[in-house]
């Protein structure tokens, strides 16, 4: 199995980096609880972005938590409410002021924004979205590779005798080529 880091920890890493855009990661600490097969069942991490900027998270399959994302600062904090990876509500708690809550419900189910951005990029002839560029996606994958190595998780494909494979970050990048409209009106793309 992929473990909690690859399954749900990717959301924690991505949101942590989005909260500090352009700030390079200086280091990290990570610990994991693994099963007999070496799969990480629960993981806790601390990301160090320097100058006192840190992100801490715990992810796992067997605990029931609030799934909130907190941004703590000197003059207050922001709560991105439960199910932060699909949140529709955030609250700003500024020191000495009444909390301010923003509600932004999905128009459909939340995937419409990814679909619309993909369509916009294809129409504009862009190979990637400036909202989440390929370099950022690769940085998250490389961080997950480093964290997996630190906790001693070796994916099945990387185990001797299970075929030849490379870490996720070393895989050849796919290319997306616009194709034609289908009879249903959907824009088809070829991915290789």
C-alpha atoms as a PDB file:
ATOM      1  CA  UNK A   1       0.000   0.000   0.000  1.00  0.00           C
ATOM      2  CA  UNK A   2       0.925   3.605  -0.433  1.00  0.00           C
ATOM      3  CA  UNK A   3       0.581   4.562   3.201  1.00  0.00           C
ATOM      4  CA  UNK A   4      -0.933   7.627   4.820  1.00  0.00           C
ATOM      5  CA  UNK A   5       1.730  10.023   3.558  1.00  0.00           C
ATOM      6  CA  UNK A   6       0.962   9.319  -0.098  1.00  0.00           C
ATOM      7  CA  UNK A   7      -2.784   8.905   0.460  1.00  0.00           C
ATOM      8  CA  UNK A   8      -3.674  11.874   2.667  1.00  0.00           C
ATOM      9  CA  UNK A   9      -0.411  13.505   3.767  1.00  0.00           C
ATOM     10  CA  UNK A  10      -0.008  15.031   0.311  1.00  0.00           C
ATOM     11  CA  UNK A  11      -2.886  17.399   1.166  1.00  0.00           C
ATOM     12  CA  UNK A  12      -1.126  18.552   4.346  1.00  0.00           C
ATOM     13  CA  UNK A  13       2.119  19.147   2.466  1.00  0.00           C
ATOM     14  CA  UNK A  14       0.469  20.976  -0.420  1.00  0.00           C
ATOM     15  CA  UNK A  15      -1.625  23.261   1.794  1.00  0.00           C
ATOM     16  CA  UNK A  16       1.374  23.976   4.035  1.00  0.00           C
ATOM     17  CA  UNK A  17       3.378  25.095   1.001  1.00  0.00           C
ATOM     18  CA  UNK A  18       0.437  27.106  -0.356  1.00  0.00           C
ATOM     19  CA  UNK A  19       0.237  29.002   2.953  1.00  0.00           C
ATOM     20  CA  UNK A  20       3.874  30.104   2.468  1.00  0.00           C
ATOM     21  CA  UNK A  21       4.180  30.649  -1.294  1.00  0.00           C
ATOM     22  CA  UNK A  22       7.728  30.953  -2.568  1.00  0.00           C
ATOM     23  CA  UNK A  23       9.264  30.237   0.848  1.00  0.00           C
ATOM     24  CA  UNK A  24      11.787  27.395   0.513  1.00  0.00           C
ATOM     25  CA  UNK A  25      11.641  24.486   2.905  1.00  0.00           C
ATOM     26  CA  UNK A  26      14.771  24.354   5.059  1.00  0.00           C
ATOM     27  CA  UNK A  27      14.202  20.977   6.653  1.00  0.00           C
ATOM     28  CA  UNK A  28      11.742  18.585   8.202  1.00  0.00           C
ATOM     29  CA  UNK A  29      11.271  16.041  10.972  1.00  0.00           C
ATOM     30  CA  UNK A  30       9.007  13.043  10.498  1.00  0.00           C
ATOM     31  CA  UNK A  31       7.927   9.985  12.480  1.00  0.00           C
ATOM     32  CA  UNK A  32       5.601   7.175  11.513  1.00  0.00           C
ATOM     33  CA  UNK A  33       3.764   4.219  12.952  1.00  0.00           C
ATOM     34  CA  UNK A  34       4.092   1.342  10.477  1.00  0.00           C
ATOM     35  CA  UNK A  35       2.481  -2.071  10.215  1.00  0.00           C
ATOM     36  CA  UNK A  36       4.285  -5.418   9.760  1.00  0.00           C
ATOM     37  CA  UNK A  37       4.527  -4.833   6.004  1.00  0.00           C
ATOM     38  CA  UNK A  38       6.217  -1.449   6.519  1.00  0.00           C
ATOM     39  CA  UNK A  39       3.233   0.675   5.452  1.00  0.00           C
ATOM     40  CA  UNK A  40       2.926   3.981   7.309  1.00  0.00           C
ATOM     41  CA  UNK A  41      -0.431   3.914   9.133  1.00  0.00           C
ATOM     42  CA  UNK A  42       0.036   7.199  10.961  1.00  0.00           C
ATOM     43  CA  UNK A  43       2.532   9.955  10.394  1.00  0.00           C
ATOM     44  CA  UNK A  44       3.489  13.192  12.102  1.00  0.00           C
ATOM     45  CA  UNK A  45       5.721  15.828  10.603  1.00  0.00           C
ATOM     46  CA  UNK A  46       7.169  19.265  11.229  1.00  0.00           C
ATOM     47  CA  UNK A  47       8.233  21.344   8.239  1.00  0.00           C
ATOM     48  CA  UNK A  48      10.768  24.135   8.875  1.00  0.00           C
ATOM     49  CA  UNK A  49      10.503  27.121   6.529  1.00  0.00           C
ATOM     50  CA  UNK A  50      13.002  29.220   8.530  1.00  0.00           C
ATOM     51  CA  UNK A  51      12.544  32.439  10.530  1.00  0.00           C
ATOM     52  CA  UNK A  52      10.130  30.703  12.933  1.00  0.00           C
ATOM     53  CA  UNK A  53       7.771  29.629  10.141  1.00  0.00           C
ATOM     54  CA  UNK A  54       6.736  26.023  10.655  1.00  0.00           C
ATOM     55  CA  UNK A  55       3.985  23.636   9.698  1.00  0.00           C
ATOM     56  CA  UNK A  56       3.037  20.657  11.829  1.00  0.00           C
ATOM     57  CA  UNK A  57       0.615  17.904  10.960  1.00  0.00           C
ATOM     58  CA  UNK A  58      -0.535  14.420  11.849  1.00  0.00           C
ATOM     59  CA  UNK A  59      -2.276  12.168   9.363  1.00  0.00           C
ATOM     60  CA  UNK A  60      -3.500   8.635   9.777  1.00  0.00           C
ATOM     61  CA  UNK A  61      -6.256   6.214   8.984  1.00  0.00           C
ATOM     62  CA  UNK A  62      -7.263   5.177  12.492  1.00  0.00           C
ATOM     63  CA  UNK A  63      -7.930   8.443  14.315  1.00  0.00           C
ATOM     64  CA  UNK A  64     -10.948  10.717  14.165  1.00  0.00           C
ATOM     65  CA  UNK A  65      -9.831  14.351  14.247  1.00  0.00           C
ATOM     66  CA  UNK A  66     -11.317  17.701  13.234  1.00  0.00           C
ATOM     67  CA  UNK A  67      -9.392  17.793   9.908  1.00  0.00           C
ATOM     68  CA  UNK A  68      -8.927  21.547  10.259  1.00  0.00           C
ATOM     69  CA  UNK A  69      -6.048  23.612   8.944  1.00  0.00           C
ATOM     70  CA  UNK A  70      -4.852  26.353  11.319  1.00  0.00           C
ATOM     71  CA  UNK A  71      -2.637  29.263  10.343  1.00  0.00           C
ATOM     72  CA  UNK A  72      -1.261  30.816  13.539  1.00  0.00           C
ATOM     73  CA  UNK A  73       0.275  34.278  13.584  1.00  0.00           C
ATOM     74  CA  UNK A  74       1.374  36.983  16.025  1.00  0.00           C
ATOM     75  CA  UNK A  75      -1.893  38.934  15.718  1.00  0.00           C
ATOM     76  CA  UNK A  76      -4.396  36.115  15.330  1.00  0.00           C
ATOM     77  CA  UNK A  77      -5.151  32.939  13.466  1.00  0.00           C
ATOM     78  CA  UNK A  78      -7.198  31.512  10.603  1.00  0.00           C
ATOM     79  CA  UNK A  79      -9.187  28.292  10.828  1.00  0.00           C
ATOM     80  CA  UNK A  80      -9.910  26.489   7.575  1.00  0.00           C
ATOM     81  CA  UNK A  81     -12.740  24.317   8.809  1.00  0.00           C
ATOM     82  CA  UNK A  82     -13.060  20.514   8.763  1.00  0.00           C
ATOM     83  CA  UNK A  83     -12.245  18.654   5.640  1.00  0.00           C
ATOM     84  CA  UNK A  84      -9.660  21.374   4.872  1.00  0.00           C
ATOM     85  CA  UNK A  85      -8.834  19.723   1.528  1.00  0.00           C
ATOM     86  CA  UNK A  86     -12.405  20.466   0.453  1.00  0.00           C
ATOM     87  CA  UNK A  87     -13.225  23.349   2.765  1.00  0.00           C
ATOM     88  CA  UNK A  88     -15.996  25.818   2.079  1.00  0.00           C
ATOM     89  CA  UNK A  89     -15.573  27.867   5.263  1.00  0.00           C
ATOM     90  CA  UNK A  90     -12.722  29.767   6.921  1.00  0.00           C
ATOM     91  CA  UNK A  91     -12.684  32.015   9.981  1.00  0.00           C
ATOM     92  CA  UNK A  92     -10.245  34.818  10.770  1.00  0.00           C
ATOM     93  CA  UNK A  93      -9.676  35.362  14.497  1.00  0.00           C
ATOM     94  CA  UNK A  94      -7.796  38.678  14.735  1.00  0.00           C
ATOM     95  CA  UNK A  95      -6.665  39.778  18.197  1.00  0.00           C
ATOM     96  CA  UNK A  96      -9.186  42.115  19.823  1.00  0.00           C
ATOM     97  CA  UNK A  97     -11.759  41.737  17.025  1.00  0.00           C
ATOM     98  CA  UNK A  98     -14.863  39.654  16.458  1.00  0.00           C
ATOM     99  CA  UNK A  99     -14.228  36.555  14.313  1.00  0.00           C
ATOM    100  CA  UNK A 100     -14.919  36.961  10.592  1.00  0.00           C
ATOM    101  CA  UNK A 101     -16.178  33.899   8.743  1.00  0.00           C
ATOM    102  CA  UNK A 102     -16.189  33.446   4.985  1.00  0.00           C
ATOM    103  CA  UNK A 103     -18.465  30.833   3.425  1.00  0.00           C
ATOM    104  CA  UNK A 104     -17.799  29.788  -0.169  1.00  0.00           C
ATOM    105  CA  UNK A 105     -19.951  26.745  -0.977  1.00  0.00           C
ATOM    106  CA  UNK A 106     -19.144  24.651  -4.002  1.00  0.00           C
ATOM    107  CA  UNK A 107     -21.244  25.261  -7.088  1.00  0.00           C
ATOM    108  CA  UNK A 108     -21.297  21.492  -7.667  1.00  0.00           C
ATOM    109  CA  UNK A 109     -18.853  19.270  -5.742  1.00  0.00           C
ATOM    110  CA  UNK A 110     -15.528  21.141  -5.726  1.00  0.00           C
ATOM    111  CA  UNK A 111     -13.971  19.401  -8.710  1.00  0.00           C
ATOM    112  CA  UNK A 112     -15.464  22.009 -11.044  1.00  0.00           C
ATOM    113  CA  UNK A 113     -12.618  24.407 -10.240  1.00  0.00           C
ATOM    114  CA  UNK A 114      -9.931  21.919 -11.286  1.00  0.00           C
ATOM    115  CA  UNK A 115     -11.869  21.078 -14.444  1.00  0.00           C
ATOM    116  CA  UNK A 116     -12.363  24.755 -15.313  1.00  0.00           C
ATOM    117  CA  UNK A 117      -8.690  25.544 -14.753  1.00  0.00           C
ATOM    118  CA  UNK A 118      -7.624  22.589 -16.895  1.00  0.00           C
ATOM    119  CA  UNK A 119      -9.970  23.705 -19.665  1.00  0.00           C
ATOM    120  CA  UNK A 120      -8.641  27.271 -19.401  1.00  0.00           C
ATOM    121  CA  UNK A 121      -5.041  26.084 -19.666  1.00  0.00           C
ATOM    122  CA  UNK A 122      -5.744  23.822 -22.636  1.00  0.00           C
ATOM    123  CA  UNK A 123      -7.600  26.594 -24.457  1.00  0.00           C
ATOM    124  CA  UNK A 124      -4.755  29.019 -23.750  1.00  0.00           C
ATOM    125  CA  UNK A 125      -2.164  26.498 -24.947  1.00  0.00           C
ATOM    126  CA  UNK A 126      -0.545  26.305 -21.515  1.00  0.00           C
ATOM    127  CA  UNK A 127       1.344  23.149 -20.569  1.00  0.00           C
ATOM    128  CA  UNK A 128       0.719  23.801 -16.862  1.00  0.00           C
ATOM    129  CA  UNK A 129      -1.374  25.962 -14.586  1.00  0.00           C
ATOM    130  CA  UNK A 130       0.222  29.023 -12.992  1.00  0.00           C
ATOM    131  CA  UNK A 131      -1.988  28.335  -9.942  1.00  0.00           C
ATOM    132  CA  UNK A 132      -0.146  25.093  -9.171  1.00  0.00           C
ATOM    133  CA  UNK A 133       2.830  24.812 -11.542  1.00  0.00           C
ATOM    134  CA  UNK A 134       4.596  21.565 -12.318  1.00  0.00           C
ATOM    135  CA  UNK A 135       7.663  22.672 -10.319  1.00  0.00           C
ATOM    136  CA  UNK A 136       5.500  22.934  -7.186  1.00  0.00           C
ATOM    137  CA  UNK A 137       3.946  19.508  -7.767  1.00  0.00           C
ATOM    138  CA  UNK A 138       7.426  18.018  -8.221  1.00  0.00           C
ATOM    139  CA  UNK A 139       8.669  19.733  -5.045  1.00  0.00           C
ATOM    140  CA  UNK A 140       5.854  18.084  -3.054  1.00  0.00           C
ATOM    141  CA  UNK A 141       6.582  14.663  -4.597  1.00  0.00           C
ATOM    142  CA  UNK A 142      10.310  15.017  -3.895  1.00  0.00           C
ATOM    143  CA  UNK A 143       9.513  15.970  -0.298  1.00  0.00           C
ATOM    144  CA  UNK A 144       7.316  12.872   0.033  1.00  0.00           C
ATOM    145  CA  UNK A 145      10.172  10.749  -1.375  1.00  0.00           C
ATOM    146  CA  UNK A 146      12.561  12.233   1.211  1.00  0.00           C
ATOM    147  CA  UNK A 147      10.066  11.695   4.036  1.00  0.00           C
ATOM    148  CA  UNK A 148       9.432   8.093   2.981  1.00  0.00           C
ATOM    149  CA  UNK A 149      13.180   7.475   2.922  1.00  0.00           C
ATOM    150  CA  UNK A 150      13.585   9.006   6.390  1.00  0.00           C
ATOM    151  CA  UNK A 151      10.908   6.757   7.929  1.00  0.00           C
ATOM    152  CA  UNK A 152      12.193   3.697   6.074  1.00  0.00           C
ATOM    153  CA  UNK A 153       9.202   3.107   3.823  1.00  0.00           C
ATOM    154  CA  UNK A 154      10.170   1.225   0.692  1.00  0.00           C
ATOM    155  CA  UNK A 155       7.315   0.932  -1.818  1.00  0.00           C
ATOM    156  CA  UNK A 156       6.673  -2.530  -3.271  1.00  0.00           C
ATOM    157  CA  UNK A 157       7.901  -1.557  -6.739  1.00  0.00           C
ATOM    158  CA  UNK A 158      11.196  -0.421  -5.249  1.00  0.00           C
ATOM    159  CA  UNK A 159      11.726  -3.685  -3.354  1.00  0.00           C
ATOM    160  CA  UNK A 160      14.320  -6.005  -4.918  1.00  0.00           C
ATOM    161  CA  UNK A 161      12.608  -8.719  -6.926  1.00  0.00           C
ATOM    162  CA  UNK A 162       9.454  -6.675  -7.594  1.00  0.00           C
ATOM    163  CA  UNK A 163      10.568  -5.270 -10.927  1.00  0.00           C
ATOM    164  CA  UNK A 164      12.624  -2.272 -11.815  1.00  0.00           C
ATOM    165  CA  UNK A 165      11.232   1.025 -10.569  1.00  0.00           C
ATOM    166  CA  UNK A 166      12.286   4.475  -9.468  1.00  0.00           C
ATOM    167  CA  UNK A 167      11.056   6.869  -6.791  1.00  0.00           C
ATOM    168  CA  UNK A 168       7.978   8.836  -7.801  1.00  0.00           C
ATOM    169  CA  UNK A 169       9.985  11.995  -8.497  1.00  0.00           C
ATOM    170  CA  UNK A 170      12.251  10.152 -10.933  1.00  0.00           C
ATOM    171  CA  UNK A 171       9.452   8.893 -13.158  1.00  0.00           C
ATOM    172  CA  UNK A 172       9.305  10.299 -16.678  1.00  0.00           C
ATOM    173  CA  UNK A 173       6.877  13.188 -16.862  1.00  0.00           C
ATOM    174  CA  UNK A 174       3.755  12.673 -18.923  1.00  0.00           C
ATOM    175  CA  UNK A 175       2.859  15.073 -21.656  1.00  0.00           C
ATOM    176  CA  UNK A 176      -0.677  16.217 -22.299  1.00  0.00           C
ATOM    177  CA  UNK A 177      -1.552  16.949 -25.893  1.00  0.00           C
ATOM    178  CA  UNK A 178      -4.861  18.585 -26.868  1.00  0.00           C
ATOM    179  CA  UNK A 179      -6.798  16.386 -29.259  1.00  0.00           C
ATOM    180  CA  UNK A 180     -10.280  16.872 -30.709  1.00  0.00           C
ATOM    181  CA  UNK A 181     -13.829  17.304 -29.468  1.00  0.00           C
ATOM    182  CA  UNK A 182     -15.758  14.097 -28.935  1.00  0.00           C
ATOM    183  CA  UNK A 183     -19.299  13.568 -30.129  1.00  0.00           C
ATOM    184  CA  UNK A 184     -20.477  14.306 -26.578  1.00  0.00           C
ATOM    185  CA  UNK A 185     -18.882  17.756 -26.710  1.00  0.00           C
ATOM    186  CA  UNK A 186     -16.084  16.882 -24.296  1.00  0.00           C
ATOM    187  CA  UNK A 187     -12.565  17.950 -25.106  1.00  0.00           C
ATOM    188  CA  UNK A 188     -10.382  14.850 -25.364  1.00  0.00           C
ATOM    189  CA  UNK A 189      -6.711  14.924 -24.442  1.00  0.00           C
ATOM    190  CA  UNK A 190      -4.036  12.351 -25.072  1.00  0.00           C
ATOM    191  CA  UNK A 191      -1.802  11.640 -22.111  1.00  0.00           C
ATOM    192  CA  UNK A 192       1.428   9.763 -22.705  1.00  0.00           C
END
